Amino acid sequence: MNKQYSLYTDGGARGNPGPAAIGGVIFNDAGKVVKEFFRYLGETTNNQAEYRALIFGLEQAGKIVGAKEVPHIDLRVFLDSELVVKQLKGEYRVRDADLKPLFAKAQKLAQKFGHTAFAHVRREKNQLADRLVNRALDRRG
């Protein structure tokens, strides 16, 4: 039976484009926080920040469990970006040329896990990741 982890990510820009940052949190199957992260990105768009938060979160989840364990992990990923979730589920095409390589990288990373499910959550269900984004923006680094 595979172990389960949950990843909540958020990316945001103050202005679009504007100063941007990422944040996220990874929970184990017992609901315990195993990793929090936040990082200032510089100037970018909101959608690029959302994808970069997801990519960084997937990379961190892989590091937490270790390369040999990744295929035995079911990862539930929660984002408050409906656009990104629908693109990852194949419901929307990725039309923006700047998002295409980010989309491809996120898909490639997600495929390494035993099973990866993406879900859209309302911002109030993603408060911790949102706070981490704002912390990075406020600190600018």
N, C-alpha and C. Protein backbone atom coordinates (compact mmCIF):
# COMPACT_ATOMS: atom_id res chain seq x y z
N MET A 1 0.85 -1.19 0.00
CA MET A 1 0.00 0.00 0.00
C MET A 1 0.89 1.25 0.00
N ASN A 2 0.56 2.19 -0.86
CA ASN A 2 1.34 3.41 -0.98
C ASN A 2 1.10 4.35 0.20
N LYS A 3 2.14 5.10 0.56
CA LYS A 3 2.01 6.16 1.55
C LYS A 3 1.37 7.36 0.86
N GLN A 4 0.69 8.18 1.66
CA GLN A 4 0.04 9.36 1.09
C GLN A 4 0.62 10.63 1.70
N TYR A 5 0.80 11.61 0.84
CA TYR A 5 1.22 12.94 1.26
C TYR A 5 0.29 13.94 0.58
N SER A 6 0.17 15.11 1.20
CA SER A 6 -0.60 16.20 0.61
C SER A 6 0.30 17.41 0.45
N LEU A 7 0.20 18.04 -0.69
CA LEU A 7 0.98 19.22 -1.01
C LEU A 7 0.03 20.36 -1.32
N TYR A 8 0.18 21.46 -0.59
CA TYR A 8 -0.58 22.68 -0.85
C TYR A 8 0.41 23.72 -1.35
N THR A 9 0.14 24.30 -2.51
CA THR A 9 1.04 25.33 -3.04
C THR A 9 0.26 26.57 -3.42
N ASP A 10 0.99 27.67 -3.45
CA ASP A 10 0.42 28.93 -3.89
C ASP A 10 1.53 29.77 -4.48
N GLY A 11 1.19 30.52 -5.47
CA GLY A 11 2.10 31.49 -6.06
C GLY A 11 1.33 32.77 -6.26
N GLY A 12 2.01 33.87 -6.12
CA GLY A 12 1.30 35.14 -6.28
C GLY A 12 2.21 36.25 -6.71
N ALA A 13 1.62 37.22 -7.38
CA ALA A 13 2.34 38.41 -7.82
C ALA A 13 1.54 39.64 -7.39
N ARG A 14 2.24 40.61 -6.92
CA ARG A 14 1.61 41.90 -6.58
C ARG A 14 1.72 42.78 -7.81
N GLY A 15 0.67 42.75 -8.59
CA GLY A 15 0.68 43.31 -9.94
C GLY A 15 0.81 42.10 -10.85
N ASN A 16 0.49 42.25 -12.12
CA ASN A 16 0.56 41.08 -12.99
C ASN A 16 1.05 41.49 -14.38
N PRO A 17 2.35 41.48 -14.64
CA PRO A 17 3.40 40.95 -13.77
C PRO A 17 3.77 41.94 -12.67
N GLY A 18 4.47 41.42 -11.69
CA GLY A 18 4.92 42.21 -10.57
C GLY A 18 5.80 41.37 -9.67
N PRO A 19 6.19 41.93 -8.52
CA PRO A 19 6.97 41.16 -7.57
C PRO A 19 6.20 39.90 -7.19
N ALA A 20 6.86 38.76 -7.26
CA ALA A 20 6.15 37.49 -7.08
C ALA A 20 6.90 36.58 -6.12
N ALA A 21 6.15 35.60 -5.58
CA ALA A 21 6.73 34.65 -4.64
C ALA A 21 5.92 33.36 -4.67
N ILE A 22 6.50 32.33 -4.07
CA ILE A 22 5.84 31.04 -3.93
C ILE A 22 5.82 30.63 -2.47
N GLY A 23 4.89 29.74 -2.16
CA GLY A 23 4.83 29.17 -0.82
C GLY A 23 4.12 27.84 -0.88
N GLY A 24 4.39 27.02 0.11
CA GLY A 24 3.71 25.73 0.14
C GLY A 24 3.99 24.97 1.41
N VAL A 25 3.22 23.91 1.57
CA VAL A 25 3.36 23.06 2.75
C VAL A 25 3.05 21.62 2.34
N ILE A 26 3.82 20.69 2.92
CA ILE A 26 3.63 19.27 2.66
C ILE A 26 3.24 18.60 3.97
N PHE A 27 2.17 17.81 3.91
CA PHE A 27 1.68 17.06 5.06
C PHE A 27 1.86 15.57 4.81
N ASN A 28 2.18 14.81 5.87
CA ASN A 28 2.21 13.35 5.73
C ASN A 28 0.80 12.80 5.90
N ASP A 29 0.67 11.47 5.86
CA ASP A 29 -0.67 10.87 5.92
C ASP A 29 -1.33 11.02 7.29
N ALA A 30 -0.56 11.40 8.31
CA ALA A 30 -1.12 11.65 9.63
C ALA A 30 -1.53 13.12 9.81
N GLY A 31 -1.34 13.92 8.75
CA GLY A 31 -1.71 15.33 8.82
C GLY A 31 -0.67 16.21 9.45
N LYS A 32 0.53 15.68 9.66
CA LYS A 32 1.62 16.44 10.26
C LYS A 32 2.39 17.19 9.17
N VAL A 33 2.71 18.45 9.45
CA VAL A 33 3.51 19.23 8.51
C VAL A 33 4.92 18.65 8.49
N VAL A 34 5.38 18.27 7.31
CA VAL A 34 6.75 17.76 7.19
C VAL A 34 7.67 18.74 6.49
N LYS A 35 7.10 19.74 5.80
CA LYS A 35 7.92 20.74 5.13
C LYS A 35 7.08 21.96 4.80
N GLU A 36 7.63 23.13 5.10
CA GLU A 36 7.08 24.39 4.64
C GLU A 36 8.14 25.05 3.78
N PHE A 37 7.71 25.80 2.78
CA PHE A 37 8.69 26.52 1.96
C PHE A 37 8.09 27.82 1.46
N PHE A 38 8.96 28.77 1.25
CA PHE A 38 8.58 30.03 0.60
C PHE A 38 9.83 30.62 -0.02
N ARG A 39 9.62 31.34 -1.11
CA ARG A 39 10.75 31.90 -1.84
C ARG A 39 10.27 33.08 -2.67
N TYR A 40 11.06 34.13 -2.67
CA TYR A 40 10.80 35.30 -3.51
C TYR A 40 11.30 35.00 -4.91
N LEU A 41 10.52 35.34 -5.94
CA LEU A 41 10.89 35.04 -7.31
C LEU A 41 11.42 36.23 -8.09
N GLY A 42 11.06 37.43 -7.69
CA GLY A 42 11.33 38.59 -8.52
C GLY A 42 10.09 38.91 -9.35
N GLU A 43 10.30 39.52 -10.48
CA GLU A 43 9.20 39.97 -11.34
C GLU A 43 8.71 38.84 -12.23
N THR A 44 7.44 38.51 -12.11
CA THR A 44 6.83 37.49 -12.98
C THR A 44 5.31 37.62 -12.91
N THR A 45 4.62 36.79 -13.65
CA THR A 45 3.15 36.83 -13.63
C THR A 45 2.61 35.91 -12.53
N ASN A 46 1.36 36.11 -12.21
CA ASN A 46 0.70 35.28 -11.21
C ASN A 46 0.67 33.80 -11.64
N ASN A 47 0.32 33.54 -12.90
CA ASN A 47 0.23 32.15 -13.37
C ASN A 47 1.60 31.48 -13.38
N GLN A 48 2.64 32.22 -13.75
CA GLN A 48 3.99 31.65 -13.71
C GLN A 48 4.37 31.32 -12.27
N ALA A 49 4.01 32.20 -11.35
CA ALA A 49 4.31 31.95 -9.93
C ALA A 49 3.57 30.72 -9.43
N GLU A 50 2.32 30.53 -9.85
CA GLU A 50 1.56 29.35 -9.45
C GLU A 50 2.26 28.07 -9.92
N TYR A 51 2.69 28.06 -11.17
CA TYR A 51 3.39 26.88 -11.69
C TYR A 51 4.73 26.67 -10.99
N ARG A 52 5.45 27.75 -10.74
CA ARG A 52 6.75 27.60 -10.09
C ARG A 52 6.61 27.11 -8.66
N ALA A 53 5.52 27.50 -7.99
CA ALA A 53 5.25 26.98 -6.64
C ALA A 53 4.98 25.48 -6.71
N LEU A 54 4.19 25.07 -7.68
CA LEU A 54 3.88 23.65 -7.85
C LEU A 54 5.15 22.86 -8.13
N ILE A 55 5.97 23.32 -9.05
CA ILE A 55 7.21 22.62 -9.41
C ILE A 55 8.12 22.49 -8.20
N PHE A 56 8.31 23.58 -7.48
CA PHE A 56 9.17 23.53 -6.30
C PHE A 56 8.60 22.57 -5.26
N GLY A 57 7.29 22.59 -5.08
CA GLY A 57 6.64 21.69 -4.13
C GLY A 57 6.80 20.23 -4.52
N LEU A 58 6.66 19.92 -5.80
CA LEU A 58 6.85 18.55 -6.25
C LEU A 58 8.29 18.10 -6.04
N GLU A 59 9.23 19.00 -6.31
CA GLU A 59 10.64 18.67 -6.07
C GLU A 59 10.90 18.41 -4.59
N GLN A 60 10.32 19.24 -3.73
CA GLN A 60 10.51 19.07 -2.28
C GLN A 60 9.88 17.77 -1.80
N ALA A 61 8.70 17.43 -2.31
CA ALA A 61 8.05 16.18 -1.92
C ALA A 61 8.92 14.99 -2.30
N GLY A 62 9.54 15.05 -3.46
CA GLY A 62 10.42 13.98 -3.89
C GLY A 62 11.64 13.85 -3.00
N LYS A 63 12.17 14.97 -2.54
CA LYS A 63 13.34 14.95 -1.65
C LYS A 63 12.99 14.41 -0.27
N ILE A 64 11.81 14.73 0.19
CA ILE A 64 11.38 14.29 1.53
C ILE A 64 11.31 12.78 1.60
N VAL A 65 10.72 12.17 0.58
CA VAL A 65 10.51 10.72 0.64
C VAL A 65 11.71 9.94 0.10
N GLY A 66 12.54 10.57 -0.70
CA GLY A 66 13.70 9.88 -1.27
C GLY A 66 13.37 9.24 -2.61
N ALA A 67 14.36 9.20 -3.48
CA ALA A 67 14.16 8.74 -4.86
C ALA A 67 13.57 7.34 -4.95
N LYS A 68 14.00 6.43 -4.09
CA LYS A 68 13.51 5.05 -4.16
C LYS A 68 12.06 4.94 -3.72
N GLU A 69 11.61 5.87 -2.88
CA GLU A 69 10.24 5.81 -2.35
C GLU A 69 9.22 6.53 -3.24
N VAL A 70 9.67 7.44 -4.09
CA VAL A 70 8.75 8.26 -4.88
C VAL A 70 7.70 7.43 -5.62
N PRO A 71 8.05 6.31 -6.27
CA PRO A 71 7.02 5.53 -6.97
C PRO A 71 5.99 4.89 -6.03
N HIS A 72 6.25 4.90 -4.74
CA HIS A 72 5.34 4.29 -3.76
C HIS A 72 4.57 5.35 -2.96
N ILE A 73 4.50 6.54 -3.50
CA ILE A 73 3.83 7.65 -2.83
C ILE A 73 2.63 8.11 -3.66
N ASP A 74 1.50 8.26 -3.00
CA ASP A 74 0.34 8.90 -3.60
C ASP A 74 0.34 10.34 -3.11
N LEU A 75 0.37 11.27 -4.04
CA LEU A 75 0.47 12.68 -3.69
C LEU A 75 -0.81 13.40 -4.11
N ARG A 76 -1.44 14.02 -3.14
CA ARG A 76 -2.61 14.86 -3.42
C ARG A 76 -2.12 16.30 -3.42
N VAL A 77 -2.37 17.00 -4.49
CA VAL A 77 -1.87 18.36 -4.66
C VAL A 77 -3.06 19.32 -4.71
N PHE A 78 -3.01 20.32 -3.87
CA PHE A 78 -4.08 21.31 -3.77
C PHE A 78 -3.56 22.68 -4.13
N LEU A 79 -4.24 23.34 -5.05
CA LEU A 79 -3.88 24.68 -5.50
C LEU A 79 -5.13 25.54 -5.54
N ASP A 80 -4.97 26.84 -5.33
CA ASP A 80 -6.13 27.71 -5.46
C ASP A 80 -6.21 28.35 -6.85
N SER A 81 -5.36 27.91 -7.76
CA SER A 81 -5.42 28.38 -9.14
C SER A 81 -6.24 27.39 -9.96
N GLU A 82 -7.47 27.77 -10.27
CA GLU A 82 -8.34 26.90 -11.06
C GLU A 82 -7.75 26.67 -12.45
N LEU A 83 -7.12 27.70 -13.02
CA LEU A 83 -6.53 27.58 -14.35
C LEU A 83 -5.47 26.47 -14.36
N VAL A 84 -4.54 26.52 -13.42
CA VAL A 84 -3.46 25.53 -13.39
C VAL A 84 -4.02 24.12 -13.18
N VAL A 85 -4.96 23.97 -12.27
CA VAL A 85 -5.54 22.65 -12.02
C VAL A 85 -6.22 22.12 -13.28
N LYS A 86 -6.99 22.96 -13.95
CA LYS A 86 -7.70 22.50 -15.15
C LYS A 86 -6.72 22.19 -16.29
N GLN A 87 -5.63 22.92 -16.36
CA GLN A 87 -4.61 22.60 -17.37
C GLN A 87 -3.96 21.27 -17.05
N LEU A 88 -3.63 21.03 -15.79
CA LEU A 88 -2.98 19.78 -15.40
C LEU A 88 -3.90 18.57 -15.58
N LYS A 89 -5.19 18.78 -15.43
CA LYS A 89 -6.15 17.69 -15.62
C LYS A 89 -6.53 17.50 -17.09
N GLY A 90 -6.03 18.36 -17.96
CA GLY A 90 -6.33 18.25 -19.38
C GLY A 90 -7.65 18.87 -19.78
N GLU A 91 -8.28 19.62 -18.89
CA GLU A 91 -9.55 20.26 -19.20
C GLU A 91 -9.37 21.54 -20.01
N TYR A 92 -8.22 22.21 -19.81
CA TYR A 92 -7.87 23.41 -20.56
C TYR A 92 -6.54 23.16 -21.26
N ARG A 93 -6.39 23.71 -22.44
CA ARG A 93 -5.10 23.67 -23.13
C ARG A 93 -4.21 24.77 -22.57
N VAL A 94 -2.91 24.56 -22.62
CA VAL A 94 -1.95 25.58 -22.22
C VAL A 94 -1.62 26.37 -23.48
N ARG A 95 -2.10 27.59 -23.53
CA ARG A 95 -1.91 28.41 -24.73
C ARG A 95 -0.75 29.39 -24.57
N ASP A 96 -0.49 29.83 -23.36
CA ASP A 96 0.55 30.81 -23.09
C ASP A 96 1.93 30.17 -23.28
N ALA A 97 2.72 30.73 -24.19
CA ALA A 97 4.04 30.17 -24.50
C ALA A 97 4.96 30.13 -23.28
N ASP A 98 4.82 31.09 -22.38
CA ASP A 98 5.67 31.11 -21.19
C ASP A 98 5.27 30.04 -20.18
N LEU A 99 4.02 29.59 -20.22
CA LEU A 99 3.56 28.55 -19.29
C LEU A 99 3.83 27.14 -19.79
N LYS A 100 3.99 26.97 -21.10
CA LYS A 100 4.16 25.62 -21.66
C LYS A 100 5.33 24.86 -21.06
N PRO A 101 6.53 25.47 -20.93
CA PRO A 101 7.64 24.69 -20.33
C PRO A 101 7.41 24.42 -18.83
N LEU A 102 6.74 25.32 -18.14
CA LEU A 102 6.44 25.10 -16.73
C LEU A 102 5.43 23.97 -16.57
N PHE A 103 4.43 23.96 -17.43
CA PHE A 103 3.44 22.89 -17.44
C PHE A 103 4.11 21.54 -17.68
N ALA A 104 5.00 21.49 -18.69
CA ALA A 104 5.69 20.24 -19.02
C ALA A 104 6.55 19.75 -17.86
N LYS A 105 7.23 20.66 -17.20
CA LYS A 105 8.08 20.27 -16.07
C LYS A 105 7.22 19.76 -14.91
N ALA A 106 6.12 20.43 -14.63
CA ALA A 106 5.23 19.99 -13.55
C ALA A 106 4.67 18.60 -13.85
N GLN A 107 4.26 18.37 -15.09
CA GLN A 107 3.74 17.06 -15.46
C GLN A 107 4.80 15.97 -15.30
N LYS A 108 6.01 16.26 -15.74
CA LYS A 108 7.09 15.27 -15.64
C LYS A 108 7.38 14.93 -14.19
N LEU A 109 7.43 15.92 -13.32
CA LEU A 109 7.68 15.67 -11.90
C LEU A 109 6.53 14.89 -11.27
N ALA A 110 5.31 15.23 -11.62
CA ALA A 110 4.14 14.55 -11.05
C ALA A 110 4.10 13.08 -11.44
N GLN A 111 4.57 12.76 -12.62
CA GLN A 111 4.52 11.38 -13.11
C GLN A 111 5.47 10.45 -12.36
N LYS A 112 6.41 11.00 -11.62
CA LYS A 112 7.35 10.17 -10.87
C LYS A 112 6.70 9.51 -9.66
N PHE A 113 5.62 10.09 -9.18
CA PHE A 113 4.93 9.54 -8.01
C PHE A 113 4.02 8.40 -8.43
N GLY A 114 3.68 7.53 -7.47
CA GLY A 114 2.79 6.41 -7.77
C GLY A 114 1.48 6.89 -8.35
N HIS A 115 0.91 7.91 -7.74
CA HIS A 115 -0.32 8.52 -8.22
C HIS A 115 -0.31 9.97 -7.75
N THR A 116 -0.65 10.87 -8.64
CA THR A 116 -0.74 12.29 -8.29
C THR A 116 -2.11 12.78 -8.71
N ALA A 117 -2.82 13.38 -7.76
CA ALA A 117 -4.14 13.94 -8.03
C ALA A 117 -4.11 15.43 -7.74
N PHE A 118 -4.62 16.21 -8.66
CA PHE A 118 -4.67 17.66 -8.51
C PHE A 118 -6.09 18.10 -8.20
N ALA A 119 -6.21 19.01 -7.25
CA ALA A 119 -7.53 19.51 -6.88
C ALA A 119 -7.47 21.02 -6.65
N HIS A 120 -8.52 21.68 -7.09
CA HIS A 120 -8.67 23.11 -6.82
C HIS A 120 -9.30 23.29 -5.45
N VAL A 121 -8.74 24.20 -4.66
CA VAL A 121 -9.33 24.56 -3.37
C VAL A 121 -9.50 26.07 -3.33
N ARG A 122 -10.49 26.49 -2.59
CA ARG A 122 -10.71 27.93 -2.40
C ARG A 122 -9.57 28.49 -1.56
N ARG A 123 -9.33 29.76 -1.74
CA ARG A 123 -8.21 30.42 -1.06
C ARG A 123 -8.24 30.19 0.46
N GLU A 124 -9.43 30.17 1.06
CA GLU A 124 -9.50 29.99 2.52
C GLU A 124 -9.06 28.59 2.95
N LYS A 125 -9.06 27.63 2.03
CA LYS A 125 -8.57 26.27 2.33
C LYS A 125 -7.07 26.15 2.05
N ASN A 126 -6.48 27.25 1.58
CA ASN A 126 -5.06 27.25 1.23
C ASN A 126 -4.33 28.37 1.97
N GLN A 127 -4.82 28.68 3.16
CA GLN A 127 -4.32 29.85 3.90
C GLN A 127 -2.85 29.77 4.28
N LEU A 128 -2.39 28.59 4.66
CA LEU A 128 -0.99 28.47 5.07
C LEU A 128 -0.06 28.77 3.90
N ALA A 129 -0.31 28.17 2.75
CA ALA A 129 0.52 28.44 1.58
C ALA A 129 0.44 29.91 1.19
N ASP A 130 -0.75 30.50 1.27
CA ASP A 130 -0.93 31.92 0.95
C ASP A 130 -0.13 32.80 1.90
N ARG A 131 -0.15 32.47 3.19
CA ARG A 131 0.64 33.24 4.17
C ARG A 131 2.13 33.15 3.87
N LEU A 132 2.58 31.98 3.44
CA LEU A 132 4.00 31.81 3.12
C LEU A 132 4.39 32.64 1.90
N VAL A 133 3.51 32.73 0.91
CA VAL A 133 3.76 33.60 -0.25
C VAL A 133 3.91 35.04 0.21
N ASN A 134 2.99 35.49 1.05
CA ASN A 134 3.04 36.87 1.52
C ASN A 134 4.26 37.13 2.39
N ARG A 135 4.69 36.14 3.16
CA ARG A 135 5.91 36.28 3.95
C ARG A 135 7.11 36.52 3.03
N ALA A 136 7.20 35.74 1.95
CA ALA A 136 8.30 35.91 1.01
C ALA A 136 8.22 37.27 0.31
N LEU A 137 7.02 37.70 -0.05
CA LEU A 137 6.86 39.00 -0.69
C LEU A 137 7.23 40.14 0.26
N ASP A 138 6.81 40.02 1.50
CA ASP A 138 7.12 41.06 2.48
C ASP A 138 8.60 41.15 2.78
N ARG A 139 9.27 39.99 2.80
CA ARG A 139 10.71 39.96 3.07
C ARG A 139 11.55 40.16 1.82
N ARG A 140 10.93 39.96 0.67
CA ARG A 140 11.62 40.04 -0.62
C ARG A 140 12.85 39.12 -0.65
N GLY A 141 12.64 37.90 -0.19
CA GLY A 141 13.75 36.96 -0.27
C GLY A 141 13.73 35.89 0.74
